PDB file of N, CA and C in Angstrom:
ATOM      1  N   MET A   1     -80.157-120.326 -26.105  1.00  0.00           N
ATOM      2  CA  MET A   1     -79.034-119.502 -26.504  1.00  0.00           C
ATOM      3  C   MET A   1     -79.378-118.045 -26.257  1.00  0.00           C
ATOM      4  N   GLU A   2     -78.490-117.329 -25.605  1.00  0.00           N
ATOM      5  CA  GLU A   2     -78.727-115.929 -25.261  1.00  0.00           C
ATOM      6  C   GLU A   2     -78.489-115.046 -26.482  1.00  0.00           C
ATOM      7  N   ASP A   3     -79.374-114.086 -26.719  1.00  0.00           N
ATOM      8  CA  ASP A   3     -79.233-113.159 -27.837  1.00  0.00           C
ATOM      9  C   ASP A   3     -78.228-112.088 -27.434  1.00  0.00           C
ATOM     10  N   ASP A   4     -77.140-111.997 -28.177  1.00  0.00           N
ATOM     11  CA  ASP A   4     -76.041-111.091 -27.851  1.00  0.00           C
ATOM     12  C   ASP A   4     -76.127-109.791 -28.649  1.00  0.00           C
ATOM     13  N   ARG A   5     -77.245-109.578 -29.335  1.00  0.00           N
ATOM     14  CA  ARG A   5     -77.374-108.392 -30.172  1.00  0.00           C
ATOM     15  C   ARG A   5     -77.684-107.148 -29.360  1.00  0.00           C
ATOM     16  N   VAL A   6     -77.096-106.040 -29.787  1.00  0.00           N
ATOM     17  CA  VAL A   6     -77.371-104.725 -29.216  1.00  0.00           C
ATOM     18  C   VAL A   6     -77.652-103.807 -30.393  1.00  0.00           C
ATOM     19  N   PHE A   7     -78.708-103.049 -30.315  1.00  0.00           N
ATOM     20  CA  PHE A   7     -79.062-102.137 -31.394  1.00  0.00           C
ATOM     21  C   PHE A   7     -78.607-100.735 -31.030  1.00  0.00           C
ATOM     22  N   ILE A   8     -77.744-100.167 -31.875  1.00  0.00           N
ATOM     23  CA  ILE A   8     -77.211 -98.821 -31.661  1.00  0.00           C
ATOM     24  C   ILE A   8     -77.485 -98.038 -32.935  1.00  0.00           C
ATOM     25  N   GLU A   9     -77.963 -96.828 -32.780  1.00  0.00           N
ATOM     26  CA  GLU A   9     -78.253 -96.009 -33.955  1.00  0.00           C
ATOM     27  C   GLU A   9     -77.207 -94.918 -34.118  1.00  0.00           C
ATOM     28  N   ALA A  10     -76.996 -94.540 -35.386  1.00  0.00           N
ATOM     29  CA  ALA A  10     -76.105 -93.435 -35.729  1.00  0.00           C
ATOM     30  C   ALA A  10     -76.726 -92.714 -36.917  1.00  0.00           C
ATOM     31  N   THR A  11     -76.255 -91.529 -37.186  1.00  0.00           N
ATOM     32  CA  THR A  11     -76.813 -90.726 -38.271  1.00  0.00           C
ATOM     33  C   THR A  11     -75.851 -90.673 -39.444  1.00  0.00           C
ATOM     34  N   LEU A  12     -76.391 -90.881 -40.624  1.00  0.00           N
ATOM     35  CA  LEU A  12     -75.621 -90.799 -41.857  1.00  0.00           C
ATOM     36  C   LEU A  12     -75.444 -89.336 -42.227  1.00  0.00           C
ATOM     37  N   ASP A  13     -74.182 -88.906 -42.472  1.00  0.00           N
ATOM     38  CA  ASP A  13     -73.993 -87.497 -42.846  1.00  0.00           C
ATOM     39  C   ASP A  13     -74.188 -87.315 -44.349  1.00  0.00           C
ATOM     40  N   GLU A  14     -74.077 -86.081 -44.822  1.00  0.00           N
ATOM     41  CA  GLU A  14     -74.355 -85.774 -46.227  1.00  0.00           C
ATOM     42  C   GLU A  14     -73.365 -86.433 -47.193  1.00  0.00           C
ATOM     43  N   ASP A  15     -72.192 -86.856 -46.693  1.00  0.00           N
ATOM     44  CA  ASP A  15     -71.205 -87.534 -47.535  1.00  0.00           C
ATOM     45  C   ASP A  15     -71.313 -89.057 -47.462  1.00  0.00           C
ATOM     46  N   GLY A  16     -72.350 -89.557 -46.773  1.00  0.00           N
ATOM     47  CA  GLY A  16     -72.548 -90.996 -46.670  1.00  0.00           C
ATOM     48  C   GLY A  16     -71.715 -91.656 -45.583  1.00  0.00           C
ATOM     49  N   ARG A  17     -71.189 -90.870 -44.652  1.00  0.00           N
ATOM     50  CA  ARG A  17     -70.359 -91.407 -43.577  1.00  0.00           C
ATOM     51  C   ARG A  17     -71.165 -91.566 -42.297  1.00  0.00           C
ATOM     52  N   VAL A  18     -70.738 -92.544 -41.524  1.00  0.00           N
ATOM     53  CA  VAL A  18     -71.340 -92.789 -40.220  1.00  0.00           C
ATOM     54  C   VAL A  18     -70.209 -92.879 -39.212  1.00  0.00           C
ATOM     55  N   GLN A  19     -70.368 -92.204 -38.090  1.00  0.00           N
ATOM     56  CA  GLN A  19     -69.388 -92.356 -37.022  1.00  0.00           C
ATOM     57  C   GLN A  19     -69.838 -93.533 -36.165  1.00  0.00           C
ATOM     58  N   VAL A  20     -68.951 -94.520 -36.046  1.00  0.00           N
ATOM     59  CA  VAL A  20     -69.294 -95.710 -35.270  1.00  0.00           C
ATOM     60  C   VAL A  20     -69.303 -95.312 -33.793  1.00  0.00           C
ATOM     61  N   PRO A  21     -70.418 -95.554 -33.114  1.00  0.00           N
ATOM     62  CA  PRO A  21     -70.525 -95.157 -31.712  1.00  0.00           C
ATOM     63  C   PRO A  21     -69.480 -95.870 -30.832  1.00  0.00           C
ATOM     64  N   PRO A  22     -68.996 -95.182 -29.802  1.00  0.00           N
ATOM     65  CA  PRO A  22     -67.971 -95.753 -28.915  1.00  0.00           C
ATOM     66  C   PRO A  22     -68.353 -97.111 -28.328  1.00  0.00           C
ATOM     67  N   GLU A  23     -69.646 -97.303 -28.021  1.00  0.00           N
ATOM     68  CA  GLU A  23     -70.074 -98.593 -27.451  1.00  0.00           C
ATOM     69  C   GLU A  23     -69.810 -99.740 -28.437  1.00  0.00           C
ATOM     70  N   ALA A  24     -70.040 -99.465 -29.726  1.00  0.00           N
ATOM     71  CA  ALA A  24     -69.811-100.491 -30.748  1.00  0.00           C
ATOM     72  C   ALA A  24     -68.320-100.760 -30.912  1.00  0.00           C
ATOM     73  N   LEU A  25     -67.507 -99.696 -30.906  1.00  0.00           N
ATOM     74  CA  LEU A  25     -66.060 -99.867 -31.028  1.00  0.00           C
ATOM     75  C   LEU A  25     -65.509-100.686 -29.863  1.00  0.00           C
ATOM     76  N   GLU A  26     -66.051-100.439 -28.689  1.00  0.00           N
ATOM     77  CA  GLU A  26     -65.598-101.176 -27.505  1.00  0.00           C
ATOM     78  C   GLU A  26     -65.954-102.661 -27.616  1.00  0.00           C
ATOM     79  N   ARG A  27     -67.181-102.951 -28.037  1.00  0.00           N
ATOM     80  CA  ARG A  27     -67.597-104.361 -28.177  1.00  0.00           C
ATOM     81  C   ARG A  27     -66.804-105.092 -29.242  1.00  0.00           C
ATOM     82  N   LEU A  28     -66.433-104.373 -30.318  1.00  0.00           N
ATOM     83  CA  LEU A  28     -65.645-104.976 -31.391  1.00  0.00           C
ATOM     84  C   LEU A  28     -64.153-105.022 -31.046  1.00  0.00           C
ATOM     85  N   ASP A  29     -63.768-104.329 -29.989  1.00  0.00           N
ATOM     86  CA  ASP A  29     -62.370-104.256 -29.557  1.00  0.00           C
ATOM     87  C   ASP A  29     -61.481-103.742 -30.686  1.00  0.00           C
ATOM     88  N   VAL A  30     -61.897-102.617 -31.285  1.00  0.00           N
ATOM     89  CA  VAL A  30     -61.100-101.989 -32.336  1.00  0.00           C
ATOM     90  C   VAL A  30     -60.658-100.606 -31.877  1.00  0.00           C
ATOM     91  N   GLN A  31     -59.526-100.188 -32.437  1.00  0.00           N
ATOM     92  CA  GLN A  31     -58.924 -98.902 -32.095  1.00  0.00           C
ATOM     93  C   GLN A  31     -58.775 -98.083 -33.373  1.00  0.00           C
ATOM     94  N   PRO A  32     -58.571 -96.776 -33.251  1.00  0.00           N
ATOM     95  CA  PRO A  32     -58.317 -95.970 -34.449  1.00  0.00           C
ATOM     96  C   PRO A  32     -57.153 -96.559 -35.248  1.00  0.00           C
ATOM     97  N   GLY A  33     -57.344 -96.672 -36.555  1.00  0.00           N
ATOM     98  CA  GLY A  33     -56.322 -97.236 -37.434  1.00  0.00           C
ATOM     99  C   GLY A  33     -56.523 -98.713 -37.724  1.00  0.00           C
ATOM    100  N   ASP A  34     -57.336 -99.410 -36.917  1.00  0.00           N
ATOM    101  CA  ASP A  34     -57.610-100.834 -37.176  1.00  0.00           C
ATOM    102  C   ASP A  34     -58.451-100.960 -38.446  1.00  0.00           C
ATOM    103  N   ARG A  35     -58.296-102.073 -39.142  1.00  0.00           N
ATOM    104  CA  ARG A  35     -59.084-102.340 -40.337  1.00  0.00           C
ATOM    105  C   ARG A  35     -60.374-103.040 -39.936  1.00  0.00           C
ATOM    106  N   ILE A  36     -61.437-102.695 -40.629  1.00  0.00           N
ATOM    107  CA  ILE A  36     -62.730-103.335 -40.390  1.00  0.00           C
ATOM    108  C   ILE A  36     -63.299-103.803 -41.725  1.00  0.00           C
ATOM    109  N   ARG A  37     -64.204-104.749 -41.658  1.00  0.00           N
ATOM    110  CA  ARG A  37     -64.820-105.306 -42.859  1.00  0.00           C
ATOM    111  C   ARG A  37     -66.326-105.032 -42.792  1.00  0.00           C
ATOM    112  N   PHE A  38     -66.883-104.651 -43.937  1.00  0.00           N
ATOM    113  CA  PHE A  38     -68.324-104.494 -44.055  1.00  0.00           C
ATOM    114  C   PHE A  38     -68.860-105.708 -44.805  1.00  0.00           C
ATOM    115  N   VAL A  39     -69.844-106.368 -44.236  1.00  0.00           N
ATOM    116  CA  VAL A  39     -70.453-107.534 -44.860  1.00  0.00           C
ATOM    117  C   VAL A  39     -71.919-107.208 -45.101  1.00  0.00           C
ATOM    118  N   LEU A  40     -72.312-107.218 -46.367  1.00  0.00           N
ATOM    119  CA  LEU A  40     -73.697-106.938 -46.722  1.00  0.00           C
ATOM    120  C   LEU A  40     -74.415-108.261 -46.912  1.00  0.00           C
ATOM    121  N   ASP A  41     -75.418-108.523 -46.058  1.00  0.00           N
ATOM    122  CA  ASP A  41     -76.182-109.771 -46.076  1.00  0.00           C
ATOM    123  C   ASP A  41     -77.640-109.388 -46.299  1.00  0.00           C
ATOM    124  N   ALA A  42     -78.079-109.536 -47.565  1.00  0.00           N
ATOM    125  CA  ALA A  42     -79.424-109.082 -47.962  1.00  0.00           C
ATOM    126  C   ALA A  42     -79.522-107.584 -47.668  1.00  0.00           C
ATOM    127  N   SER A  43     -80.369-107.192 -46.732  1.00  0.00           N
ATOM    128  CA  SER A  43     -80.495-105.760 -46.424  1.00  0.00           C
ATOM    129  C   SER A  43     -79.849-105.419 -45.085  1.00  0.00           C
ATOM    130  N   VAL A  44     -78.978-106.294 -44.586  1.00  0.00           N
ATOM    131  CA  VAL A  44     -78.310-106.064 -43.301  1.00  0.00           C
ATOM    132  C   VAL A  44     -76.824-105.851 -43.546  1.00  0.00           C
ATOM    133  N   LEU A  45     -76.286-104.800 -42.956  1.00  0.00           N
ATOM    134  CA  LEU A  45     -74.859-104.505 -43.062  1.00  0.00           C
ATOM    135  C   LEU A  45     -74.195-104.869 -41.746  1.00  0.00           C
ATOM    136  N   TRP A  46     -73.249-105.802 -41.791  1.00  0.00           N
ATOM    137  CA  TRP A  46     -72.510-106.218 -40.611  1.00  0.00           C
ATOM    138  C   TRP A  46     -71.155-105.530 -40.626  1.00  0.00           C
ATOM    139  N   LEU A  47     -70.682-105.175 -39.482  1.00  0.00           N
ATOM    140  CA  LEU A  47     -69.369-104.558 -39.323  1.00  0.00           C
ATOM    141  C   LEU A  47     -68.551-105.490 -38.443  1.00  0.00           C
ATOM    142  N   GLN A  48     -67.378-105.911 -38.930  1.00  0.00           N
ATOM    143  CA  GLN A  48     -66.561-106.812 -38.124  1.00  0.00           C
ATOM    144  C   GLN A  48     -65.094-106.446 -38.254  1.00  0.00           C
ATOM    145  N   PRO A  49     -64.330-106.652 -37.180  1.00  0.00           N
ATOM    146  CA  PRO A  49     -62.902-106.380 -37.261  1.00  0.00           C
ATOM    147  C   PRO A  49     -62.250-107.331 -38.258  1.00  0.00           C
ATOM    148  N   THR A  50     -61.268-106.830 -38.976  1.00  0.00           N
ATOM    149  CA  THR A  50     -60.521-107.676 -39.905  1.00  0.00           C
ATOM    150  C   THR A  50     -59.523-108.495 -39.099  1.00  0.00           C
ATOM    151  N   VAL A  51     -59.560-109.789 -39.307  1.00  0.00           N
ATOM    152  CA  VAL A  51     -58.631-110.685 -38.629  1.00  0.00           C
ATOM    153  C   VAL A  51     -57.451-110.907 -39.556  1.00  0.00           C
ATOM    154  N   TRP A  52     -56.261-110.580 -39.080  1.00  0.00           N
ATOM    155  CA  TRP A  52     -55.067-110.728 -39.902  1.00  0.00           C
ATOM    156  C   TRP A  52     -54.525-112.140 -39.779  1.00  0.00           C
ATOM    157  N   THR A  53     -54.307-112.763 -40.925  1.00  0.00           N
ATOM    158  CA  THR A  53     -53.680-114.078 -40.982  1.00  0.00           C
ATOM    159  C   THR A  53     -52.520-113.990 -41.961  1.00  0.00           C
ATOM    160  N   LEU A  54     -51.673-114.992 -41.970  1.00  0.00           N
ATOM    161  CA  LEU A  54     -50.572-115.003 -42.931  1.00  0.00           C
ATOM    162  C   LEU A  54     -51.095-115.010 -44.364  1.00  0.00           C
ATOM    163  N   ASN A  55     -52.225-115.673 -44.584  1.00  0.00           N
ATOM    164  CA  ASN A  55     -52.779-115.735 -45.938  1.00  0.00           C
ATOM    165  C   ASN A  55     -53.206-114.369 -46.452  1.00  0.00           C
ATOM    166  N   ASN A  56     -53.890-113.578 -45.622  1.00  0.00           N
ATOM    167  CA  ASN A  56     -54.335-112.286 -46.153  1.00  0.00           C
ATOM    168  C   ASN A  56     -53.262-111.208 -46.045  1.00  0.00           C
ATOM    169  N   LEU A  57     -52.126-111.512 -45.423  1.00  0.00           N
ATOM    170  CA  LEU A  57     -51.005-110.576 -45.406  1.00  0.00           C
ATOM    171  C   LEU A  57     -50.014-110.839 -46.534  1.00  0.00           C
ATOM    172  N   GLN A  58     -50.161-111.984 -47.205  1.00  0.00           N
ATOM    173  CA  GLN A  58     -49.224-112.332 -48.262  1.00  0.00           C
ATOM    174  C   GLN A  58     -49.187-111.240 -49.319  1.00  0.00           C
ATOM    175  N   GLY A  59     -48.005-110.763 -49.601  1.00  0.00           N
ATOM    176  CA  GLY A  59     -47.815-109.712 -50.590  1.00  0.00           C
ATOM    177  C   GLY A  59     -47.950-108.314 -50.024  1.00  0.00           C
ATOM    178  N   ALA A  60     -48.289-108.177 -48.748  1.00  0.00           N
ATOM    179  CA  ALA A  60     -48.461-106.854 -48.160  1.00  0.00           C
ATOM    180  C   ALA A  60     -47.130-106.164 -47.902  1.00  0.00           C
ATOM    181  N   ILE A  61     -46.074-106.946 -47.716  1.00  0.00           N
ATOM    182  CA  ILE A  61     -44.761-106.381 -47.457  1.00  0.00           C
ATOM    183  C   ILE A  61     -43.877-106.681 -48.654  1.00  0.00           C
ATOM    184  N   ILE A  62     -43.319-105.639 -49.221  1.00  0.00           N
ATOM    185  CA  ILE A  62     -42.449-105.792 -50.374  1.00  0.00           C
ATOM    186  C   ILE A  62     -41.012-105.885 -49.867  1.00  0.00           C
ATOM    187  N   PRO A  63     -40.301-106.968 -50.210  1.00  0.00           N
ATOM    188  CA  PRO A  63     -38.931-107.103 -49.719  1.00  0.00           C
ATOM    189  C   PRO A  63     -38.033-106.002 -50.267  1.00  0.00           C
ATOM    190  N   ARG A  64     -37.066-105.570 -49.444  1.00  0.00           N
ATOM    191  CA  ARG A  64     -36.144-104.520 -49.871  1.00  0.00           C
ATOM    192  C   ARG A  64     -35.105-105.054 -50.845  1.00  0.00           C
ATOM    193  N   ARG A  65     -34.899-106.346 -50.859  1.00  0.00           N
ATOM    194  CA  ARG A  65     -33.944-106.948 -51.783  1.00  0.00           C
ATOM    195  C   ARG A  65     -34.528-108.247 -52.317  1.00  0.00           C
ATOM    196  N   GLN A  66     -33.934-108.719 -53.386  1.00  0.00           N
ATOM    197  CA  GLN A  66     -34.403-109.959 -53.990  1.00  0.00           C
ATOM    198  C   GLN A  66     -34.106-111.131 -53.049  1.00  0.00           C
ATOM    199  N   PRO A  67     -34.955-112.140 -53.045  1.00  0.00           N
ATOM    200  CA  PRO A  67     -34.684-113.320 -52.228  1.00  0.00           C
ATOM    201  C   PRO A  67     -33.410-114.014 -52.701  1.00  0.00           C
ATOM    202  N   LEU A  68     -32.751-114.679 -51.779  1.00  0.00           N
ATOM    203  CA  LEU A  68     -31.511-115.373 -52.115  1.00  0.00           C
ATOM    204  C   LEU A  68     -31.791-116.598 -52.975  1.00  0.00           C
ATOM    205  N   ASP A  69     -30.927-116.804 -53.971  1.00  0.00           N
ATOM    206  CA  ASP A  69     -31.004-117.993 -54.809  1.00  0.00           C
ATOM    207  C   ASP A  69     -30.000-118.988 -54.238  1.00  0.00           C
ATOM    208  N   ILE A  70     -30.471-119.899 -53.403  1.00  0.00           N
ATOM    209  CA  ILE A  70     -29.606-120.830 -52.686  1.00  0.00           C
ATOM    210  C   ILE A  70     -28.790-121.685 -53.651  1.00  0.00           C
ATOM    211  N   ASP A  71     -29.418-122.180 -54.709  1.00  0.00           N
ATOM    212  CA  ASP A  71     -28.687-123.016 -55.673  1.00  0.00           C
ATOM    213  C   ASP A  71     -27.533-122.244 -56.303  1.00  0.00           C
ATOM    214  N   ARG A  72     -27.767-120.983 -56.635  1.00  0.00           N
ATOM    215  CA  ARG A  72     -26.705-120.159 -57.225  1.00  0.00           C
ATOM    216  C   ARG A  72     -25.579-119.947 -56.218  1.00  0.00           C
ATOM    217  N   LEU A  73     -25.928-119.688 -54.955  1.00  0.00           N
ATOM    218  CA  LEU A  73     -24.911-119.496 -53.925  1.00  0.00           C
ATOM    219  C   LEU A  73     -24.069-120.756 -53.726  1.00  0.00           C
ATOM    220  N   ILE A  74     -24.703-121.923 -53.756  1.00  0.00           N
ATOM    221  CA  ILE A  74     -23.967-123.190 -53.613  1.00  0.00           C
ATOM    222  C   ILE A  74     -23.020-123.377 -54.792  1.00  0.00           C
ATOM    223  N   ASP A  75     -23.510-123.111 -56.007  1.00  0.00           N
ATOM    224  CA  ASP A  75     -22.663-123.240 -57.193  1.00  0.00           C
ATOM    225  C   ASP A  75     -21.467-122.288 -57.121  1.00  0.00           C
ATOM    226  N   GLU A  76     -21.696-121.055 -56.679  1.00  0.00           N
ATOM    227  CA  GLU A  76     -20.605-120.087 -56.554  1.00  0.00           C
ATOM    228  C   GLU A  76     -19.592-120.535 -55.511  1.00  0.00           C
ATOM    229  N   ALA A  77     -20.056-121.097 -54.387  1.00  0.00           N
ATOM    230  CA  ALA A  77     -19.142-121.575 -53.346  1.00  0.00           C
ATOM    231  C   ALA A  77     -18.320-122.749 -53.860  1.00  0.00           C
ATOM    232  N   LYS A  78     -18.941-123.668 -54.594  1.00  0.00           N
ATOM    233  CA  LYS A  78     -18.206-124.793 -55.161  1.00  0.00           C
ATOM    234  C   LYS A  78     -17.153-124.315 -56.151  1.00  0.00           C
ATOM    235  N   GLN A  79     -17.523-123.346 -56.989  1.00  0.00           N
ATOM    236  CA  GLN A  79     -16.598-122.801 -57.974  1.00  0.00           C
ATOM    237  C   GLN A  79     -15.423-122.123 -57.280  1.00  0.00           C
ATOM    238  N   ALA A  80     -15.686-121.349 -56.246  1.00  0.00           N
ATOM    239  CA  ALA A  80     -14.618-120.674 -55.504  1.00  0.00           C
ATOM    240  C   ALA A  80     -13.688-121.689 -54.851  1.00  0.00           C
ATOM    241  N   LYS A  81     -14.243-122.749 -54.293  1.00  0.00           N
ATOM    242  CA  LYS A  81     -13.431-123.801 -53.658  1.00  0.00           C
ATOM    243  C   LYS A  81     -12.575-124.506 -54.704  1.00  0.00           C
ATOM    244  N   ALA A  82     -13.153-124.800 -55.873  1.00  0.00           N
ATOM    245  CA  ALA A  82     -12.400-125.455 -56.947  1.00  0.00           C
ATOM    246  C   ALA A  82     -11.257-124.559 -57.417  1.00  0.00           C
ATOM    247  N   GLU A  83     -11.522-123.265 -57.593  1.00  0.00           N
ATOM    248  CA  GLU A  83     -10.476-122.340 -58.022  1.00  0.00           C
ATOM    249  C   GLU A  83      -9.368-122.244 -56.979  1.00  0.00           C
ATOM    250  N   ASP A  84      -9.738-122.225 -55.701  1.00  0.00           N
ATOM    251  CA  ASP A  84      -8.754-122.171 -54.622  1.00  0.00           C
ATOM    252  C   ASP A  84      -7.895-123.443 -54.611  1.00  0.00           C
ATOM    253  N   THR A  85      -8.521-124.591 -54.830  1.00  0.00           N
ATOM    254  CA  THR A  85      -7.788-125.868 -54.859  1.00  0.00           C
ATOM    255  C   THR A  85      -6.810-125.895 -56.029  1.00  0.00           C
ATOM    256  N   VAL A  86      -7.225-125.456 -57.212  1.00  0.00           N
ATOM    257  CA  VAL A  86      -6.352-125.411 -58.387  1.00  0.00           C
ATOM    258  C   VAL A  86      -5.182-124.466 -58.123  1.00  0.00           C
ATOM    259  N   ARG A  87      -5.461-123.306 -57.542  1.00  0.00           N
ATOM    260  CA  ARG A  87      -4.394-122.342 -57.236  1.00  0.00           C
ATOM    261  C   ARG A  87      -3.366-122.968 -56.297  1.00  0.00           C
ATOM    262  N   LYS A  88      -3.827-123.634 -55.245  1.00  0.00           N
ATOM    263  CA  LYS A  88      -2.918-124.256 -54.281  1.00  0.00           C
ATOM    264  C   LYS A  88      -2.102-125.377 -54.938  1.00  0.00           C
ATOM    265  N   MET A  89      -2.720-126.126 -55.846  1.00  0.00           N
ATOM    266  CA  MET A  89      -2.000-127.202 -56.539  1.00  0.00           C
ATOM    267  C   MET A  89      -0.897-126.619 -57.420  1.00  0.00           C
ATOM    268  N   ARG A  90      -1.180-125.520 -58.104  1.00  0.00           N
ATOM    269  CA  ARG A  90      -0.178-124.868 -58.970  1.00  0.00           C
ATOM    270  C   ARG A  90       0.978-124.305 -58.154  1.00  0.00           C
ATOM    271  N   GLU A  91       0.648-123.854 -56.945  1.00  0.00           N
ATOM    272  CA  GLU A  91       1.700-123.315 -56.082  1.00  0.00           C
ATOM    273  C   GLU A  91       2.448-124.416 -55.331  1.00  0.00           C
ATOM    274  N   GLY A  92       2.032-125.661 -55.516  1.00  0.00           N
ATOM    275  CA  GLY A  92       2.673-126.798 -54.860  1.00  0.00           C
ATOM    276  C   GLY A  92       2.355-126.900 -53.383  1.00  0.00           C
ATOM    277  N   LYS A  93       1.267-126.322 -52.967  1.00  0.00           N
ATOM    278  CA  LYS A  93       0.873-126.348 -51.548  1.00  0.00           C
ATOM    279  C   LYS A  93      -0.074-127.500 -51.259  1.00  0.00           C
ATOM    280  N   MET A  94      -0.282-128.367 -52.241  1.00  0.00           N
ATOM    281  CA  MET A  94      -1.147-129.522 -52.020  1.00  0.00           C
ATOM    282  C   MET A  94      -0.453-130.768 -52.487  1.00  0.00           C
TER     283      MET A  94
END
């Protein structure tokens, strides 16, 4: 098995930040604004792109309106149809 590791060094600034070198960003195929994950394994820190799935996006988007209550809509349609039928019967149109 071929070792795919590349060692790249960077300097920690006084605020604890590190600029990820361009070579690493290219290998990870990440762009500015992409989310990344830090994985601490014993004394090794791994950096990996965050993979978006439906599971980890759940709840990320807040709906602008409440979801439809299908049962309520069906009941309202039945009630409207019943009222329309009664009205037509009273008017002698049925």
